[in-house]
Every structure is written in structure tokens, then in C-alpha cells.
Amino acid sequence: MNLPANAIQDGNQTDIPKWLLPVRDFVFGKQNERIEYFMDSYFKLPAEGRTGVIAGAFLFGGLTIFALIAMYLSALTGLQNQLDASFAAINTLRAKQVEYTVAKKRFDELKNRIGKITATVKMTSTIDGKIKSIGMEPENGRISRADKPSSEKDFIRSSPALSETYKTSRSEFRVNNISLKKIIDLVIAIESDESLLRVTDLRIKGIYGTKLFFESNFTVDGFELKQ
């Protein structure tokens, strides 16, 4: 069965996607006239010209392939750099996560410790006990107290998690006729206690007529639970 030539041509065109037909027509021509023109021009060239055309075509193809390979390798290198940066960021995040977990654990332990201490310990009674431990009596007239109301100091405000639950309290008292050894013993006794008290200010003043005893003013800071 013989088919018309135009039917065969139409069948070949239907094998090509419709969006590619304009490109095909532009490159080769609608009736492949451009191919015929190039072939005719090529065969009209002398032998040296044909050799030059073939060499030029191979050179152009080689340069094109080299450019495509270079672009591929460049894109691959960029992708590798991005992957390396991503892995480095993941490792840094993991390290920060470990640091955060350790810091949070320590903070929770500190918060629980403060909670247990403030629930059972009173600041004034603790200080009075330490004064007695160095051989002095708070009620013997040599000690005067001027305790301050609770406040929120900078080291509490800088930690929002602590400042939501705790505040600082301050006790100020003066001891007369106390020796340097007793002063040092009292500071050590206060700061070595588990109640987290700290002597934040200490002023020592000499007493007229004696070189062995002094008047000392103590400032002690601690924690207490917010009401």
C-alpha cells in the first residue's frame, strides 16, 4: 500500500512535540531548505575549506563540551560547599544543644537548691547562729542590727528565670569590740554555710584607746522566695 508523500511528511511531523516545531523550522527550515543550503555550500568549497569547516566544527563542539563540563563542575563545587557549610552548622547546633542541656541541668539544680534553702532557713537566725559559733552572743549589747527590706539586685535581674521566683534579702549589723581573728572567723562561718549567704561589704573601724579590738559593720546578702 503506497501513501502520498505529504502523508508521510505529516506523519513524521506528528512524531515531534508541537512546542519543538517552531525551533525545528527556525534551525532547519520548514522544508529543510537550510540543511540543503549548507550542504550545497559545503560541497562547493575546495578541499582545504572543507577540512577547515570540519576542524572548526570539531573545535566548536569540543569547546562546547568543555564549557558544559566546566559549568557542571562549578555547580557541583558550589553544591559541595553548601553541603559542607550545612554540616558545619548542624555540628555547631549539636554542640550548642549539648552546652544548653548541661547549663540547664546546672541551673535547675541551683534553682532547686535555692528553693530548699529558702524554704527552711531564715537569714537572721542563720547569722545569729554564726555569731554564737565564734563565741559571741547577739543579745549581749555589743551587736546592733539594721536589716534592710528585700530587694532585687542586679545579679537576680540579669537572670529572668531566677528573678521570677526569688529575690535578694540583705542584713546589716555592727559588732563592737571584736578582734580581727573573730572578724575573719565570722566571715568564714557565714560564707561556708549551705544557706548561700555572702558578705558583700565589710567595714572595720579602730576604737580609740585600743589596738586589739575594732568596730565592724557587716553587710550580708542572701536569697528568699517571693511571696
C-alpha atoms as a PDB file:
ATOM      1  CA  MET A   1       0.000   0.000   0.000  1.00  0.00           C
ATOM      2  CA  ASN A   2       1.536   3.269  -1.138  1.00  0.00           C
ATOM      3  CA  LEU A   3       0.973   6.510   0.858  1.00  0.00           C
ATOM      4  CA  PRO A   4       1.257  10.046  -0.509  1.00  0.00           C
ATOM      5  CA  ALA A   5       4.468  11.904   0.237  1.00  0.00           C
ATOM      6  CA  ASN A   6       2.629  14.646   2.142  1.00  0.00           C
ATOM      7  CA  ALA A   7       1.067  11.993   4.363  1.00  0.00           C
ATOM      8  CA  ILE A   8       4.495  10.617   5.219  1.00  0.00           C
ATOM      9  CA  GLN A   9       5.768  14.150   5.931  1.00  0.00           C
ATOM     10  CA  ASP A  10       2.762  14.855   8.130  1.00  0.00           C
ATOM     11  CA  GLY A  11       3.317  11.610   9.988  1.00  0.00           C
ATOM     12  CA  ASN A  12       6.964  12.494  10.676  1.00  0.00           C
ATOM     13  CA  GLN A  13       5.944  15.904  11.960  1.00  0.00           C
ATOM     14  CA  THR A  14       3.400  14.413  14.298  1.00  0.00           C
ATOM     15  CA  ASP A  15       6.210  12.462  15.969  1.00  0.00           C
ATOM     16  CA  ILE A  16       7.796  15.774  17.030  1.00  0.00           C
ATOM     17  CA  PRO A  17       6.309  17.621  20.056  1.00  0.00           C
ATOM     18  CA  LYS A  18       4.293  20.647  18.994  1.00  0.00           C
ATOM     19  CA  TRP A  19       6.380  23.047  21.113  1.00  0.00           C
ATOM     20  CA  LEU A  20       9.536  21.887  19.271  1.00  0.00           C
ATOM     21  CA  LEU A  21       8.174  22.503  15.750  1.00  0.00           C
ATOM     22  CA  PRO A  22       8.962  26.282  15.696  1.00  0.00           C
ATOM     23  CA  VAL A  23      12.532  25.553  16.775  1.00  0.00           C
ATOM     24  CA  ARG A  24      12.875  22.879  14.086  1.00  0.00           C
ATOM     25  CA  ASP A  25      11.535  25.239  11.445  1.00  0.00           C
ATOM     26  CA  PHE A  26      13.909  28.016  12.557  1.00  0.00           C
ATOM     27  CA  VAL A  27      17.010  25.805  12.546  1.00  0.00           C
ATOM     28  CA  PHE A  28      16.390  23.575   9.521  1.00  0.00           C
ATOM     29  CA  GLY A  29      13.682  25.469   7.665  1.00  0.00           C
ATOM     30  CA  LYS A  30      10.163  24.336   7.044  1.00  0.00           C
ATOM     31  CA  GLN A  31      11.215  22.113   4.116  1.00  0.00           C
ATOM     32  CA  ASN A  32      14.793  21.547   5.384  1.00  0.00           C
ATOM     33  CA  GLU A  33      15.973  24.206   2.929  1.00  0.00           C
ATOM     34  CA  ARG A  34      18.672  25.445   5.319  1.00  0.00           C
ATOM     35  CA  ILE A  35      20.235  21.981   5.510  1.00  0.00           C
ATOM     36  CA  GLU A  36      20.237  21.748   1.759  1.00  0.00           C
ATOM     37  CA  TYR A  37      21.801  25.217   1.522  1.00  0.00           C
ATOM     38  CA  PHE A  38      24.587  24.377   3.989  1.00  0.00           C
ATOM     39  CA  MET A  39      25.295  21.035   2.305  1.00  0.00           C
ATOM     40  CA  ASP A  40      25.421  22.643  -1.115  1.00  0.00           C
ATOM     41  CA  SER A  41      27.719  25.400   0.182  1.00  0.00           C
ATOM     42  CA  TYR A  42      29.957  22.834   1.849  1.00  0.00           C
ATOM     43  CA  PHE A  43      30.445  20.719  -1.272  1.00  0.00           C
ATOM     44  CA  LYS A  44      31.224  23.829  -3.296  1.00  0.00           C
ATOM     45  CA  LEU A  45      34.185  24.573  -1.033  1.00  0.00           C
ATOM     46  CA  PRO A  46      37.675  23.412  -2.009  1.00  0.00           C
ATOM     47  CA  ALA A  47      39.274  20.521  -0.112  1.00  0.00           C
ATOM     48  CA  GLU A  48      41.159  22.850   2.223  1.00  0.00           C
ATOM     49  CA  GLY A  49      37.943  24.728   3.038  1.00  0.00           C
ATOM     50  CA  ARG A  50      36.079  21.508   3.818  1.00  0.00           C
ATOM     51  CA  THR A  51      38.897  20.447   6.119  1.00  0.00           C
ATOM     52  CA  GLY A  52      38.735  23.831   7.865  1.00  0.00           C
ATOM     53  CA  VAL A  53      34.981  23.582   8.293  1.00  0.00           C
ATOM     54  CA  ILE A  54      35.267  20.085   9.788  1.00  0.00           C
ATOM     55  CA  ALA A  55      38.103  21.178  12.071  1.00  0.00           C
ATOM     56  CA  GLY A  56      36.132  24.235  13.141  1.00  0.00           C
ATOM     57  CA  ALA A  57      33.066  22.108  13.845  1.00  0.00           C
ATOM     58  CA  PHE A  58      35.102  19.710  15.981  1.00  0.00           C
ATOM     59  CA  LEU A  59      36.765  22.637  17.779  1.00  0.00           C
ATOM     60  CA  PHE A  60      33.405  24.283  18.426  1.00  0.00           C
ATOM     61  CA  GLY A  61      31.936  21.002  19.682  1.00  0.00           C
ATOM     62  CA  GLY A  62      34.942  20.388  21.927  1.00  0.00           C
ATOM     63  CA  LEU A  63      34.766  23.888  23.387  1.00  0.00           C
ATOM     64  CA  THR A  64      31.039  23.480  23.952  1.00  0.00           C
ATOM     65  CA  ILE A  65      31.526  20.173  25.748  1.00  0.00           C
ATOM     66  CA  PHE A  66      34.389  21.652  27.800  1.00  0.00           C
ATOM     67  CA  ALA A  67      32.221  24.636  28.770  1.00  0.00           C
ATOM     68  CA  LEU A  68      29.362  22.348  29.787  1.00  0.00           C
ATOM     69  CA  ILE A  69      31.728  20.201  31.877  1.00  0.00           C
ATOM     70  CA  ALA A  70      33.215  23.320  33.497  1.00  0.00           C
ATOM     71  CA  MET A  71      29.753  24.632  34.350  1.00  0.00           C
ATOM     72  CA  TYR A  72      28.793  21.246  35.779  1.00  0.00           C
ATOM     73  CA  LEU A  73      31.945  21.040  37.906  1.00  0.00           C
ATOM     74  CA  SER A  74      31.446  24.627  39.112  1.00  0.00           C
ATOM     75  CA  ALA A  75      27.859  23.899  40.108  1.00  0.00           C
ATOM     76  CA  LEU A  76      28.977  20.672  41.779  1.00  0.00           C
ATOM     77  CA  THR A  77      31.666  22.539  43.738  1.00  0.00           C
ATOM     78  CA  GLY A  78      29.138  25.144  44.862  1.00  0.00           C
ATOM     79  CA  LEU A  79      26.760  22.413  45.964  1.00  0.00           C
ATOM     80  CA  GLN A  80      29.565  20.680  47.871  1.00  0.00           C
ATOM     81  CA  ASN A  81      30.459  23.945  49.626  1.00  0.00           C
ATOM     82  CA  GLN A  82      26.827  24.425  50.623  1.00  0.00           C
ATOM     83  CA  LEU A  83      26.672  20.875  51.964  1.00  0.00           C
ATOM     84  CA  ASP A  84      29.899  21.407  53.940  1.00  0.00           C
ATOM     85  CA  ALA A  85      28.507  24.642  55.388  1.00  0.00           C
ATOM     86  CA  SER A  86      25.250  22.879  56.273  1.00  0.00           C
ATOM     87  CA  PHE A  87      27.081  20.025  58.021  1.00  0.00           C
ATOM     88  CA  ALA A  88      29.239  22.542  59.921  1.00  0.00           C
ATOM     89  CA  ALA A  89      26.111  24.424  61.027  1.00  0.00           C
ATOM     90  CA  ILE A  90      24.484  21.165  62.146  1.00  0.00           C
ATOM     91  CA  ASN A  91      27.586  20.209  64.175  1.00  0.00           C
ATOM     92  CA  THR A  92      27.664  23.660  65.757  1.00  0.00           C
ATOM     93  CA  LEU A  93      23.974  23.393  66.604  1.00  0.00           C
ATOM     94  CA  ARG A  94      24.517  19.977  68.176  1.00  0.00           C
ATOM     95  CA  ALA A  95      27.404  21.329  70.265  1.00  0.00           C
ATOM     96  CA  LYS A  96      25.270  24.288  71.401  1.00  0.00           C
ATOM     97  CA  GLN A  97      22.452  21.905  72.241  1.00  0.00           C
ATOM     98  CA  VAL A  98      24.787  19.882  74.474  1.00  0.00           C
ATOM     99  CA  GLU A  99      26.018  23.082  76.151  1.00  0.00           C
ATOM    100  CA  TYR A 100      22.428  24.238  76.652  1.00  0.00           C
ATOM    101  CA  THR A 101      21.434  20.877  78.165  1.00  0.00           C
ATOM    102  CA  VAL A 102      24.369  20.964  80.607  1.00  0.00           C
ATOM    103  CA  ALA A 103      23.738  24.611  81.533  1.00  0.00           C
ATOM    104  CA  LYS A 104      20.010  23.988  82.017  1.00  0.00           C
ATOM    105  CA  LYS A 105      20.728  20.993  84.232  1.00  0.00           C
ATOM    106  CA  ARG A 106      23.075  23.058  86.412  1.00  0.00           C
ATOM    107  CA  PHE A 107      20.581  25.899  86.534  1.00  0.00           C
ATOM    108  CA  ASP A 108      17.754  23.570  87.579  1.00  0.00           C
ATOM    109  CA  GLU A 109      19.982  22.106  90.297  1.00  0.00           C
ATOM    110  CA  LEU A 110      20.822  25.620  91.542  1.00  0.00           C
ATOM    111  CA  LYS A 111      17.164  26.640  91.466  1.00  0.00           C
ATOM    112  CA  ASN A 112      16.126  23.538  93.416  1.00  0.00           C
ATOM    113  CA  ARG A 113      18.924  24.108  95.917  1.00  0.00           C
ATOM    114  CA  ILE A 114      17.873  27.711  96.481  1.00  0.00           C
ATOM    115  CA  GLY A 115      14.280  26.571  96.859  1.00  0.00           C
ATOM    116  CA  LYS A 116      15.168  24.015  99.539  1.00  0.00           C
ATOM    117  CA  ILE A 117      17.335  26.503 101.411  1.00  0.00           C
ATOM    118  CA  THR A 118      14.875  29.397 101.366  1.00  0.00           C
ATOM    119  CA  ALA A 119      12.057  27.083 102.444  1.00  0.00           C
ATOM    120  CA  THR A 120      13.791  26.039 105.681  1.00  0.00           C
ATOM    121  CA  VAL A 121      16.372  28.725 106.532  1.00  0.00           C
ATOM    122  CA  LYS A 122      15.793  32.203 107.910  1.00  0.00           C
ATOM    123  CA  MET A 123      18.537  34.685 107.237  1.00  0.00           C
ATOM    124  CA  THR A 124      18.571  36.435 110.626  1.00  0.00           C
ATOM    125  CA  SER A 125      18.533  33.203 112.596  1.00  0.00           C
ATOM    126  CA  THR A 126      21.370  31.801 110.477  1.00  0.00           C
ATOM    127  CA  ILE A 127      23.517  34.882 111.083  1.00  0.00           C
ATOM    128  CA  ASP A 128      22.748  34.796 114.818  1.00  0.00           C
ATOM    129  CA  GLY A 129      23.823  31.145 114.880  1.00  0.00           C
ATOM    130  CA  LYS A 130      27.117  32.012 113.189  1.00  0.00           C
ATOM    131  CA  ILE A 131      27.744  34.816 115.681  1.00  0.00           C
ATOM    132  CA  LYS A 132      27.239  32.356 118.518  1.00  0.00           C
ATOM    133  CA  SER A 133      29.595  29.873 116.832  1.00  0.00           C
ATOM    134  CA  ILE A 134      32.531  32.283 117.266  1.00  0.00           C
ATOM    135  CA  GLY A 135      31.813  32.731 120.981  1.00  0.00           C
ATOM    136  CA  MET A 136      29.664  35.847 120.909  1.00  0.00           C
ATOM    137  CA  GLU A 137      26.063  36.411 121.921  1.00  0.00           C
ATOM    138  CA  PRO A 138      23.780  38.540 119.731  1.00  0.00           C
ATOM    139  CA  GLU A 139      21.887  39.755 122.789  1.00  0.00           C
ATOM    140  CA  ASN A 140      24.863  40.987 124.834  1.00  0.00           C
ATOM    141  CA  GLY A 141      24.571  44.600 123.682  1.00  0.00           C
ATOM    142  CA  ARG A 142      27.691  44.542 121.524  1.00  0.00           C
ATOM    143  CA  ILE A 143      25.681  43.836 118.376  1.00  0.00           C
ATOM    144  CA  SER A 144      23.195  46.191 116.701  1.00  0.00           C
ATOM    145  CA  ARG A 145      21.194  45.231 113.638  1.00  0.00           C
ATOM    146  CA  ALA A 146      19.732  47.315 110.820  1.00  0.00           C
ATOM    147  CA  ASP A 147      18.269  44.786 108.404  1.00  0.00           C
ATOM    148  CA  LYS A 148      17.133  46.049 105.030  1.00  0.00           C
ATOM    149  CA  PRO A 149      13.923  45.061 103.253  1.00  0.00           C
ATOM    150  CA  SER A 150      14.078  42.538 100.453  1.00  0.00           C
ATOM    151  CA  SER A 151      15.256  43.843  97.107  1.00  0.00           C
ATOM    152  CA  GLU A 152      16.063  42.659  93.619  1.00  0.00           C
ATOM    153  CA  LYS A 153      19.762  43.117  92.933  1.00  0.00           C
ATOM    154  CA  ASP A 154      21.379  43.186  89.523  1.00  0.00           C
ATOM    155  CA  PHE A 155      22.593  39.589  89.640  1.00  0.00           C
ATOM    156  CA  ILE A 156      18.975  38.490  90.149  1.00  0.00           C
ATOM    157  CA  ARG A 157      17.512  40.761  87.482  1.00  0.00           C
ATOM    158  CA  SER A 158      20.067  39.512  84.954  1.00  0.00           C
ATOM    159  CA  SER A 159      18.565  36.035  85.238  1.00  0.00           C
ATOM    160  CA  PRO A 160      14.845  36.229  84.341  1.00  0.00           C
ATOM    161  CA  ALA A 161      14.236  32.608  85.359  1.00  0.00           C
ATOM    162  CA  LEU A 162      15.561  33.279  88.881  1.00  0.00           C
ATOM    163  CA  SER A 163      14.011  36.722  89.241  1.00  0.00           C
ATOM    164  CA  GLU A 164      10.543  35.275  88.603  1.00  0.00           C
ATOM    165  CA  THR A 165      10.785  33.153  91.766  1.00  0.00           C
ATOM    166  CA  TYR A 166      13.456  34.625  94.065  1.00  0.00           C
ATOM    167  CA  LYS A 167      14.674  37.964  95.340  1.00  0.00           C
ATOM    168  CA  THR A 168      17.599  39.010  97.488  1.00  0.00           C
ATOM    169  CA  SER A 169      17.444  39.975 101.124  1.00  0.00           C
ATOM    170  CA  ARG A 170      20.046  41.989 102.999  1.00  0.00           C
ATOM    171  CA  SER A 171      21.054  42.065 106.630  1.00  0.00           C
ATOM    172  CA  GLU A 172      23.303  44.782 108.051  1.00  0.00           C
ATOM    173  CA  PHE A 173      24.672  44.654 111.569  1.00  0.00           C
ATOM    174  CA  ARG A 174      27.505  46.190 113.587  1.00  0.00           C
ATOM    175  CA  VAL A 175      29.692  44.391 116.088  1.00  0.00           C
ATOM    176  CA  ASN A 176      31.674  46.356 118.685  1.00  0.00           C
ATOM    177  CA  ASN A 177      34.877  45.331 120.447  1.00  0.00           C
ATOM    178  CA  ILE A 178      35.693  42.427 118.153  1.00  0.00           C
ATOM    179  CA  SER A 179      39.180  41.213 117.283  1.00  0.00           C
ATOM    180  CA  LEU A 180      40.474  40.702 113.750  1.00  0.00           C
ATOM    181  CA  LYS A 181      40.515  36.951 114.292  1.00  0.00           C
ATOM    182  CA  LYS A 182      36.863  36.970 115.307  1.00  0.00           C
ATOM    183  CA  ILE A 183      36.010  39.089 112.253  1.00  0.00           C
ATOM    184  CA  ILE A 184      37.707  36.607 109.921  1.00  0.00           C
ATOM    185  CA  ASP A 185      36.106  33.651 111.724  1.00  0.00           C
ATOM    186  CA  LEU A 186      32.648  35.227 111.365  1.00  0.00           C
ATOM    187  CA  VAL A 187      33.100  35.902 107.619  1.00  0.00           C
ATOM    188  CA  ILE A 188      34.266  32.314 107.029  1.00  0.00           C
ATOM    189  CA  ALA A 189      31.407  30.915 109.130  1.00  0.00           C
ATOM    190  CA  ILE A 190      28.793  32.915 107.195  1.00  0.00           C
ATOM    191  CA  GLU A 191      30.100  32.175 103.688  1.00  0.00           C
ATOM    192  CA  SER A 192      30.866  28.480 104.315  1.00  0.00           C
ATOM    193  CA  ASP A 193      27.266  27.771 105.317  1.00  0.00           C
ATOM    194  CA  GLU A 194      24.974  25.990 102.827  1.00  0.00           C
ATOM    195  CA  SER A 195      22.464  28.841 103.002  1.00  0.00           C
ATOM    196  CA  LEU A 196      24.280  30.690 100.159  1.00  0.00           C
ATOM    197  CA  LEU A 197      24.899  33.831 102.236  1.00  0.00           C
ATOM    198  CA  ARG A 198      27.651  36.201 101.148  1.00  0.00           C
ATOM    199  CA  VAL A 199      29.373  39.042 102.979  1.00  0.00           C
ATOM    200  CA  THR A 200      29.134  41.748 100.325  1.00  0.00           C
ATOM    201  CA  ASP A 201      30.520  44.612 102.410  1.00  0.00           C
ATOM    202  CA  LEU A 202      32.724  44.782 105.491  1.00  0.00           C
ATOM    203  CA  ARG A 203      33.932  47.970 107.159  1.00  0.00           C
ATOM    204  CA  ILE A 204      36.366  47.899 110.043  1.00  0.00           C
ATOM    205  CA  LYS A 205      36.945  50.928 112.254  1.00  0.00           C
ATOM    206  CA  GLY A 206      39.505  51.253 115.005  1.00  0.00           C
ATOM    207  CA  ILE A 207      38.427  52.040 118.580  1.00  0.00           C
ATOM    208  CA  TYR A 208      40.141  54.842 120.415  1.00  0.00           C
ATOM    209  CA  GLY A 209      42.400  53.628 123.177  1.00  0.00           C
ATOM    210  CA  THR A 210      42.840  50.024 121.979  1.00  0.00           C
ATOM    211  CA  LYS A 211      44.709  48.381 119.118  1.00  0.00           C
ATOM    212  CA  LEU A 212      43.332  44.850 119.522  1.00  0.00           C
ATOM    213  CA  PHE A 213      39.591  45.386 119.150  1.00  0.00           C
ATOM    214  CA  PHE A 214      37.583  47.076 116.441  1.00  0.00           C
ATOM    215  CA  GLU A 215      34.117  48.169 115.427  1.00  0.00           C
ATOM    216  CA  SER A 216      32.991  46.269 112.286  1.00  0.00           C
ATOM    217  CA  ASN A 217      29.973  46.753 110.054  1.00  0.00           C
ATOM    218  CA  PHE A 218      28.782  43.678 108.110  1.00  0.00           C
ATOM    219  CA  THR A 219      26.512  43.571 105.062  1.00  0.00           C
ATOM    220  CA  VAL A 220      25.235  40.102 104.197  1.00  0.00           C
ATOM    221  CA  ASP A 221      23.144  39.231 101.126  1.00  0.00           C
ATOM    222  CA  GLY A 222      21.085  36.117 100.557  1.00  0.00           C
ATOM    223  CA  PHE A 223      18.086  34.730  98.670  1.00  0.00           C
ATOM    224  CA  GLU A 224      14.486  34.445  99.639  1.00  0.00           C
ATOM    225  CA  LEU A 225      11.335  33.228  97.945  1.00  0.00           C
ATOM    226  CA  LYS A 226       8.958  35.814  96.525  1.00  0.00           C
ATOM    227  CA  GLN A 227       5.626  35.919  98.274  1.00  0.00           C
END
